């Protein structure tokens, strides 16, 4: 999987602490050429033969021109095998998702769209600092579905300051009437340094009680399942088999290469003589990143070789987020000498969690129950302790 970061936005949302930049003018030719160059370099380092999915995230990649996206995809196809049916997703904001623009992305090779709707209520959108209105979001989704039928995903945020359970449920019903076959739900996190966090800490906006957040999440899960969706991951819901290959490969701890300012990756750099999976982070600031790509082919700022334990910790923490959990085969790939049964089948925390109905360990592997999935964050520390022992 390739994750390409387009770091620019037209404005900063009130809740966002991502590595994004609002600049008067973007030298798109230079950024696109550096994305293509870094893609070639890192694919070569990893000796990856075939790319299963490409994901353009951000920032706001729908602000890039279709021509730039096409050039990057061309670089991928030249450096490795990009199969015809490979999933190519682009994150889009409703304010930069006009029909001509989206038609251009489809011609460039994009075949799946993830739209940052966040809410279908104008007051909530203003609170979040979003550029678009609810009407614009609706229009963008309709246009996208015409061009990418069955492959248009919606992002929604819940737990906004002052949001009631009724308002959230009503908003979700509206989204269900509009959506395709994939929805991602994210609980609002008040990140330090963001405008929204400041307003809440200063008392201008109310904090949302934990039990209300839990009710919002549980109601949403029940609503979506009743509408035919499968909750295949903590935040992701799909029906008619429209699961995101990109999301799944990440939760299954497959190799992924991060390209662009601030991108994260996990892969084995065979060409540099590496034999172990590394965690890599690219340089954050776009201009500094471009200088590094131009001088040495990539802008990797930090590389850490992951120990066998660190790799297993990631496999556990990521895999348990999915409804399939961690299969015995996947665990064995990272832990050939110590089976899931040997680690979690003995008396200890995992056994207790199984007895309480939060966890299952059977012939399929290790996974959360339906109830356990909602409490994963509170189950993980115990399981990581058992693994470390």
Protein backbone atom coordinates (compact mmCIF):
# COMPACT_ATOMS: atom_id res chain seq x y z
CA UNK A 1 0.00 0.00 0.00
CA UNK A 2 1.18 3.50 -0.86
CA UNK A 3 0.00 6.47 1.24
CA UNK A 4 0.67 9.80 -0.47
CA UNK A 5 0.26 13.04 1.48
CA UNK A 6 -0.88 16.27 -0.15
CA UNK A 7 -0.12 18.70 2.70
CA UNK A 8 -2.05 21.80 1.59
CA UNK A 9 -5.49 23.06 2.58
CA UNK A 10 -7.43 26.22 1.72
CA UNK A 11 -8.16 26.85 5.41
CA UNK A 12 -7.49 25.15 8.73
CA UNK A 13 -10.45 23.40 10.39
CA UNK A 14 -11.01 24.22 14.06
CA UNK A 15 -10.35 20.62 15.22
CA UNK A 16 -7.41 19.72 12.96
CA UNK A 17 -3.86 19.06 14.19
CA UNK A 18 -2.66 17.22 11.08
CA UNK A 19 0.51 18.25 9.27
CA UNK A 20 -1.29 20.69 6.94
CA UNK A 21 -0.33 24.06 5.47
CA UNK A 22 -2.33 27.02 4.18
CA UNK A 23 -0.16 28.96 1.73
CA UNK A 24 -1.00 31.72 -0.79
CA UNK A 25 0.41 29.80 -3.77
CA UNK A 26 1.40 26.14 -4.19
CA UNK A 27 4.10 25.27 -6.74
CA UNK A 28 2.12 22.24 -7.85
CA UNK A 29 4.55 21.12 -10.55
CA UNK A 30 7.41 21.03 -7.99
CA UNK A 31 5.36 19.20 -5.32
CA UNK A 32 4.00 16.68 -7.84
CA UNK A 33 7.44 16.00 -9.26
CA UNK A 34 8.85 15.42 -5.73
CA UNK A 35 5.97 13.07 -4.85
CA UNK A 36 6.75 11.07 -8.00
CA UNK A 37 10.50 11.07 -7.23
CA UNK A 38 10.06 9.93 -3.61
CA UNK A 39 7.61 7.24 -4.74
CA UNK A 40 10.21 5.85 -7.17
CA UNK A 41 12.99 5.94 -4.55
CA UNK A 42 11.05 4.25 -1.74
CA UNK A 43 9.51 1.60 -4.01
CA UNK A 44 13.05 0.80 -5.17
CA UNK A 45 14.35 0.64 -1.56
CA UNK A 46 11.55 -1.70 -0.53
CA UNK A 47 11.89 -3.92 -3.62
CA UNK A 48 8.09 -4.13 -3.67
CA UNK A 49 6.96 -6.00 -6.77
CA UNK A 50 3.28 -5.11 -6.75
CA UNK A 51 1.17 -2.33 -5.19
CA UNK A 52 -2.24 -3.41 -3.88
CA UNK A 53 -3.63 0.07 -3.17
CA UNK A 54 -2.80 3.75 -3.43
CA UNK A 55 -4.27 6.33 -1.07
CA UNK A 56 -4.04 10.11 -1.56
CA UNK A 57 -4.54 11.72 1.85
CA UNK A 58 -3.79 15.11 3.30
CA UNK A 59 -4.25 17.90 3.68
CA UNK A 60 -6.74 18.18 0.86
CA UNK A 61 -5.58 16.14 -2.15
CA UNK A 62 -8.69 17.16 -4.11
CA UNK A 63 -7.04 20.62 -4.38
CA UNK A 64 -4.35 19.05 -6.58
CA UNK A 65 -4.97 18.94 -10.32
CA UNK A 66 -5.93 15.63 -11.96
CA UNK A 67 -2.79 16.03 -14.07
CA UNK A 68 -0.59 15.87 -10.92
CA UNK A 69 -2.42 12.80 -9.59
CA UNK A 70 -2.03 11.10 -13.00
CA UNK A 71 1.73 11.83 -13.04
CA UNK A 72 2.20 10.31 -9.57
CA UNK A 73 0.21 7.19 -10.53
CA UNK A 74 2.34 6.91 -13.67
CA UNK A 75 5.47 6.93 -11.46
CA UNK A 76 3.96 4.13 -9.33
CA UNK A 77 3.15 2.03 -12.41
CA UNK A 78 6.69 2.45 -13.79
CA UNK A 79 8.43 1.62 -10.48
CA UNK A 80 6.27 -1.40 -9.56
CA UNK A 81 3.34 -3.42 -10.86
CA UNK A 82 0.07 -1.51 -10.35
CA UNK A 83 -2.64 -4.04 -11.26
CA UNK A 84 -5.68 -2.87 -13.24
CA UNK A 85 -8.06 -3.49 -10.36
CA UNK A 86 -5.87 -1.92 -7.65
CA UNK A 87 -7.81 0.41 -5.36
CA UNK A 88 -6.84 4.07 -5.87
CA UNK A 89 -8.54 6.32 -3.29
CA UNK A 90 -8.52 10.10 -3.13
CA UNK A 91 -9.71 12.08 -0.11
CA UNK A 92 -11.90 14.99 -1.24
CA UNK A 93 -13.53 17.97 0.41
CA UNK A 94 -17.01 18.93 -0.83
CA UNK A 95 -15.70 22.44 -1.61
CA UNK A 96 -13.19 21.06 -4.15
CA UNK A 97 -15.33 18.28 -5.63
CA UNK A 98 -16.94 19.80 -8.70
CA UNK A 99 -18.08 17.44 -11.47
CA UNK A 100 -15.30 18.44 -13.95
CA UNK A 101 -12.63 18.06 -11.24
CA UNK A 102 -13.86 14.63 -10.12
CA UNK A 103 -14.21 13.51 -13.76
CA UNK A 104 -10.55 14.50 -14.20
CA UNK A 105 -9.53 12.40 -11.18
CA UNK A 106 -11.39 9.39 -12.57
CA UNK A 107 -9.59 9.79 -15.91
CA UNK A 108 -6.28 10.06 -13.99
CA UNK A 109 -6.84 6.60 -12.47
CA UNK A 110 -8.67 7.30 -9.19
CA UNK A 111 -11.42 4.70 -8.66
CA UNK A 112 -12.57 5.36 -5.09
CA UNK A 113 -13.45 8.61 -3.31
CA UNK A 114 -13.49 9.39 0.40
CA UNK A 115 -15.47 12.58 1.05
CA UNK A 116 -14.92 14.63 4.22
CA UNK A 117 -18.58 15.47 4.80
CA UNK A 118 -18.14 15.48 8.64
CA UNK A 119 -21.70 16.76 9.20
CA UNK A 120 -24.87 17.56 7.26
CA UNK A 121 -25.85 20.41 9.59
CA UNK A 122 -24.72 23.95 8.74
CA UNK A 123 -24.29 25.06 12.38
CA UNK A 124 -22.12 22.01 13.12
CA UNK A 125 -20.06 22.62 9.98
CA UNK A 126 -19.42 26.21 11.09
CA UNK A 127 -18.37 24.98 14.54
CA UNK A 128 -15.90 22.58 12.87
CA UNK A 129 -14.56 25.40 10.71
CA UNK A 130 -15.42 23.56 7.50
CA UNK A 131 -15.51 25.46 4.19
CA UNK A 132 -18.61 23.76 2.82
CA UNK A 133 -22.32 23.89 3.59
CA UNK A 134 -24.60 20.86 4.03
CA UNK A 135 -26.11 21.53 0.58
CA UNK A 136 -22.63 21.53 -1.00
CA UNK A 137 -21.81 18.25 0.76
CA UNK A 138 -24.99 16.65 -0.60
CA UNK A 139 -24.21 17.84 -4.12
CA UNK A 140 -20.61 16.59 -3.93
CA UNK A 141 -21.76 13.14 -2.77
CA UNK A 142 -24.32 12.90 -5.58
CA UNK A 143 -21.75 13.88 -8.23
CA UNK A 144 -19.22 11.42 -6.75
CA UNK A 145 -21.72 8.55 -6.76
CA UNK A 146 -22.43 9.16 -10.42
CA UNK A 147 -18.71 8.86 -11.22
CA UNK A 148 -17.66 6.26 -8.61
CA UNK A 149 -20.78 4.16 -8.01
CA UNK A 150 -20.43 1.83 -5.02
CA UNK A 151 -17.00 3.34 -4.30
CA UNK A 152 -17.82 6.62 -2.59
CA UNK A 153 -17.18 6.79 1.16
CA UNK A 154 -18.42 9.41 3.64
CA UNK A 155 -16.61 10.63 6.77
CA UNK A 156 -18.74 11.80 9.70
CA UNK A 157 -17.70 13.24 13.08
CA UNK A 158 -19.65 12.82 16.34
CA UNK A 159 -19.27 14.14 19.87
CA UNK A 160 -19.21 17.85 18.96
CA UNK A 161 -19.51 20.30 21.87
CA UNK A 162 -23.23 20.75 22.61
CA UNK A 163 -24.33 18.00 20.18
CA UNK A 164 -27.25 15.94 21.52
CA UNK A 165 -27.83 12.24 20.94
CA UNK A 166 -30.98 13.13 18.99
CA UNK A 167 -29.16 15.55 16.70
CA UNK A 168 -26.42 12.99 16.00
CA UNK A 169 -28.92 10.19 15.28
CA UNK A 170 -30.94 12.45 13.00
CA UNK A 171 -27.77 13.51 11.13
CA UNK A 172 -26.77 9.88 10.68
CA UNK A 173 -30.22 9.02 9.24
CA UNK A 174 -29.82 11.87 6.73
CA UNK A 175 -26.35 10.57 5.80
CA UNK A 176 -27.78 7.07 5.35
CA UNK A 177 -30.32 8.41 2.88
CA UNK A 178 -27.48 9.95 0.92
CA UNK A 179 -24.59 7.53 1.24
CA UNK A 180 -23.14 4.78 -0.88
CA UNK A 181 -21.74 1.56 0.66
CA UNK A 182 -18.99 2.85 2.99
CA UNK A 183 -19.08 5.17 5.99
CA UNK A 184 -16.32 6.14 8.45
CA UNK A 185 -17.32 7.52 11.86
CA UNK A 186 -14.84 9.44 13.98
CA UNK A 187 -15.28 10.66 17.54
CA UNK A 188 -14.14 14.27 17.79
CA UNK A 189 -10.80 14.48 19.61
CA UNK A 190 -9.92 17.82 21.14
CA UNK A 191 -6.28 18.08 20.16
CA UNK A 192 -4.02 20.45 22.07
CA UNK A 193 -3.34 23.70 20.24
CA UNK A 194 -6.45 23.58 18.03
CA UNK A 195 -9.03 26.40 18.02
CA UNK A 196 -11.82 24.08 19.17
CA UNK A 197 -9.82 22.72 22.12
CA UNK A 198 -9.10 26.30 23.20
CA UNK A 199 -12.80 27.25 23.10
CA UNK A 200 -13.71 24.22 25.23
CA UNK A 201 -10.92 24.73 27.77
CA UNK A 202 -11.84 28.43 28.09
CA UNK A 203 -15.43 27.44 28.84
CA UNK A 204 -16.93 29.00 25.67
CA UNK A 205 -18.08 25.54 24.57
CA UNK A 206 -19.24 22.60 26.72
CA UNK A 207 -17.30 19.34 27.06
CA UNK A 208 -19.16 16.23 25.92
CA UNK A 209 -19.72 13.68 28.75
CA UNK A 210 -18.11 10.24 28.25
CA UNK A 211 -21.40 8.36 28.67
CA UNK A 212 -23.02 10.48 25.95
CA UNK A 213 -20.09 9.72 23.60
CA UNK A 214 -20.54 5.99 24.30
CA UNK A 215 -24.30 6.27 23.61
CA UNK A 216 -23.63 8.10 20.33
CA UNK A 217 -21.21 5.41 19.19
CA UNK A 218 -23.45 2.49 20.19
CA UNK A 219 -26.53 4.06 18.58
CA UNK A 220 -24.58 4.66 15.36
CA UNK A 221 -23.30 1.06 15.27
CA UNK A 222 -26.81 -0.32 15.75
CA UNK A 223 -28.27 2.05 13.13
CA UNK A 224 -25.67 1.15 10.51
CA UNK A 225 -25.90 -2.59 11.10
CA UNK A 226 -29.69 -2.37 10.80
CA UNK A 227 -29.13 -0.62 7.44
CA UNK A 228 -27.09 -3.58 6.16
CA UNK A 229 -23.58 -2.38 7.02
CA UNK A 230 -20.85 -4.57 8.46
CA UNK A 231 -18.64 -2.93 11.07
CA UNK A 232 -15.35 -4.29 9.78
CA UNK A 233 -13.23 -1.97 11.93
CA UNK A 234 -13.76 0.28 14.98
CA UNK A 235 -14.56 3.34 12.81
CA UNK A 236 -15.34 1.79 9.42
CA UNK A 237 -18.60 0.36 8.09
CA UNK A 238 -19.25 -1.22 4.68
CA UNK A 239 -22.04 -3.08 2.89
CA UNK A 240 -22.15 -5.10 -0.33
CA UNK A 241 -18.49 -5.99 0.22
CA UNK A 242 -17.29 -2.39 -0.28
CA UNK A 243 -14.48 -2.69 2.30
CA UNK A 244 -11.50 -0.39 1.78
CA UNK A 245 -8.40 -2.35 0.71
CA UNK A 246 -6.24 0.50 1.97
CA UNK A 247 -7.81 0.47 5.45
CA UNK A 248 -7.64 -3.31 5.70
CA UNK A 249 -3.99 -3.59 4.65
CA UNK A 250 -3.12 -1.06 7.38
CA UNK A 251 -5.06 -2.92 10.11
CA UNK A 252 -3.59 -6.23 8.92
CA UNK A 253 -0.07 -4.81 9.44
CA UNK A 254 0.94 -5.28 5.81
CA UNK A 255 3.79 -3.18 4.42
CA UNK A 256 2.92 0.39 3.56
CA UNK A 257 5.06 3.18 2.18
CA UNK A 258 4.41 6.79 3.21
CA UNK A 259 5.25 9.42 0.61
CA UNK A 260 5.08 13.20 1.09
CA UNK A 261 5.55 15.68 3.97
CA UNK A 262 4.97 14.03 7.36
CA UNK A 263 3.96 10.67 5.86
CA UNK A 264 4.43 7.50 7.95
CA UNK A 265 5.49 4.11 6.59
CA UNK A 266 6.32 0.55 7.66
CA UNK A 267 8.47 -1.53 5.33
CA UNK A 268 11.72 -3.48 4.95
CA UNK A 269 14.40 -1.45 3.07
CA UNK A 270 16.07 -4.42 1.32
CA UNK A 271 18.21 -2.27 -0.99
CA UNK A 272 19.91 -0.59 1.99
CA UNK A 273 20.74 -4.02 3.41
CA UNK A 274 17.82 -3.96 5.86
CA UNK A 275 16.21 -7.24 6.89
CA UNK A 276 13.76 -5.92 9.47
CA UNK A 277 10.61 -3.86 9.22
CA UNK A 278 11.25 -0.17 9.87
CA UNK A 279 8.99 2.64 11.03
CA UNK A 280 9.69 5.69 8.87
CA UNK A 281 8.53 9.30 9.03
CA UNK A 282 9.11 11.81 6.26
CA UNK A 283 10.16 15.43 6.92
CA UNK A 284 7.17 17.50 8.03
CA UNK A 285 7.62 20.91 6.40
CA UNK A 286 6.88 20.80 2.65
CA UNK A 287 9.70 23.07 1.43
CA UNK A 288 12.33 21.29 3.56
CA UNK A 289 10.92 17.94 2.38
CA UNK A 290 11.19 19.03 -1.28
CA UNK A 291 14.83 20.13 -0.81
CA UNK A 292 15.67 16.70 0.65
CA UNK A 293 13.86 14.81 -2.13
CA UNK A 294 15.73 16.85 -4.75
CA UNK A 295 19.10 16.25 -3.10
CA UNK A 296 18.83 12.55 -2.14
CA UNK A 297 15.67 11.15 -3.71
CA UNK A 298 13.58 11.00 -0.52
CA UNK A 299 12.81 13.05 2.58
CA UNK A 300 12.91 10.37 5.29
CA UNK A 301 13.58 12.20 8.55
CA UNK A 302 13.31 9.34 11.04
CA UNK A 303 13.93 5.59 10.73
CA UNK A 304 13.48 3.10 13.56
CA UNK A 305 14.10 -0.62 13.19
CA UNK A 306 11.16 -2.32 14.93
CA UNK A 307 12.06 -5.13 17.35
CA UNK A 308 10.10 -8.41 17.13
CA UNK A 309 8.13 -7.34 20.24
CA UNK A 310 7.32 -3.90 18.78
CA UNK A 311 6.08 -5.55 15.59
CA UNK A 312 3.82 -7.91 17.55
CA UNK A 313 2.51 -4.99 19.63
CA UNK A 314 1.48 -3.28 16.40
CA UNK A 315 -0.07 -6.46 14.98
CA UNK A 316 -2.11 -6.81 18.20
CA UNK A 317 -3.19 -3.18 18.57
CA UNK A 318 -4.12 -2.79 14.89
CA UNK A 319 -5.56 -6.24 14.24
CA UNK A 320 -7.96 -6.15 17.18
CA UNK A 321 -9.58 -3.05 15.66
CA UNK A 322 -11.10 -5.25 12.93
CA UNK A 323 -14.02 -7.64 13.21
CA UNK A 324 -11.86 -10.45 11.78
CA UNK A 325 -9.20 -9.82 14.44
CA UNK A 326 -5.78 -11.45 14.12
CA UNK A 327 -5.73 -14.77 12.27
CA UNK A 328 -3.31 -17.51 13.34
CA UNK A 329 -1.58 -17.21 9.91
CA UNK A 330 -0.96 -13.47 10.27
CA UNK A 331 0.36 -13.85 13.82
CA UNK A 332 2.64 -16.70 12.70
CA UNK A 333 4.06 -14.46 9.95
CA UNK A 334 5.38 -12.08 12.64
CA UNK A 335 5.83 -14.68 15.40
CA UNK A 336 6.88 -18.05 13.95
CA UNK A 337 7.99 -19.49 17.32
CA UNK A 338 5.25 -18.31 19.67
CA UNK A 339 1.64 -18.96 18.67
CA UNK A 340 -1.41 -16.87 19.59
CA UNK A 341 -2.48 -19.82 21.75
CA UNK A 342 0.86 -19.87 23.58
CA UNK A 343 0.67 -16.14 24.36
CA UNK A 344 -3.05 -15.59 25.04
CA UNK A 345 -4.45 -19.10 25.66
CA UNK A 346 -2.75 -19.49 29.05
CA UNK A 347 -4.31 -18.26 32.34
CA UNK A 348 -4.02 -14.47 32.50
CA UNK A 349 -5.59 -11.24 31.29
CA UNK A 350 -6.77 -12.58 27.92
CA UNK A 351 -8.51 -15.55 29.55
CA UNK A 352 -10.28 -13.20 31.97
CA UNK A 353 -11.41 -10.98 29.09
CA UNK A 354 -12.73 -14.05 27.26
CA UNK A 355 -14.69 -15.13 30.35
CA UNK A 356 -16.16 -11.60 30.61
CA UNK A 357 -17.32 -11.79 26.99
CA UNK A 358 -15.05 -9.13 25.51
CA UNK A 359 -12.64 -11.36 23.60
CA UNK A 360 -12.62 -14.61 21.59
CA UNK A 361 -9.68 -16.95 20.92
CA UNK A 362 -10.59 -19.89 18.69
CA UNK A 363 -9.67 -21.66 15.44
CA UNK A 364 -10.08 -18.39 13.56
CA UNK A 365 -7.66 -16.43 15.75
CA UNK A 366 -7.95 -13.67 18.36
CA UNK A 367 -10.65 -11.02 18.05
CA UNK A 368 -12.98 -8.77 20.03
CA UNK A 369 -16.64 -9.62 20.44
CA UNK A 370 -19.22 -7.10 19.21
CA UNK A 371 -19.34 -5.63 22.74
CA UNK A 372 -15.57 -5.76 23.13
CA UNK A 373 -14.90 -3.75 19.96
CA UNK A 374 -16.45 -0.66 21.57
CA UNK A 375 -14.09 -0.98 24.57
CA UNK A 376 -10.89 -1.91 22.75
CA UNK A 377 -8.87 1.02 24.16
CA UNK A 378 -9.50 -0.19 27.71
CA UNK A 379 -8.74 -3.85 26.87
CA UNK A 380 -5.44 -3.28 25.07
CA UNK A 381 -3.17 -2.34 28.03
CA UNK A 382 -3.85 -5.73 29.72
CA UNK A 383 -3.24 -7.65 26.50
CA UNK A 384 0.00 -5.77 25.79
CA UNK A 385 1.17 -6.58 29.33
CA UNK A 386 0.52 -10.27 28.75
CA UNK A 387 2.37 -10.14 25.40
CA UNK A 388 5.38 -8.37 26.98
CA UNK A 389 5.63 -11.05 29.68
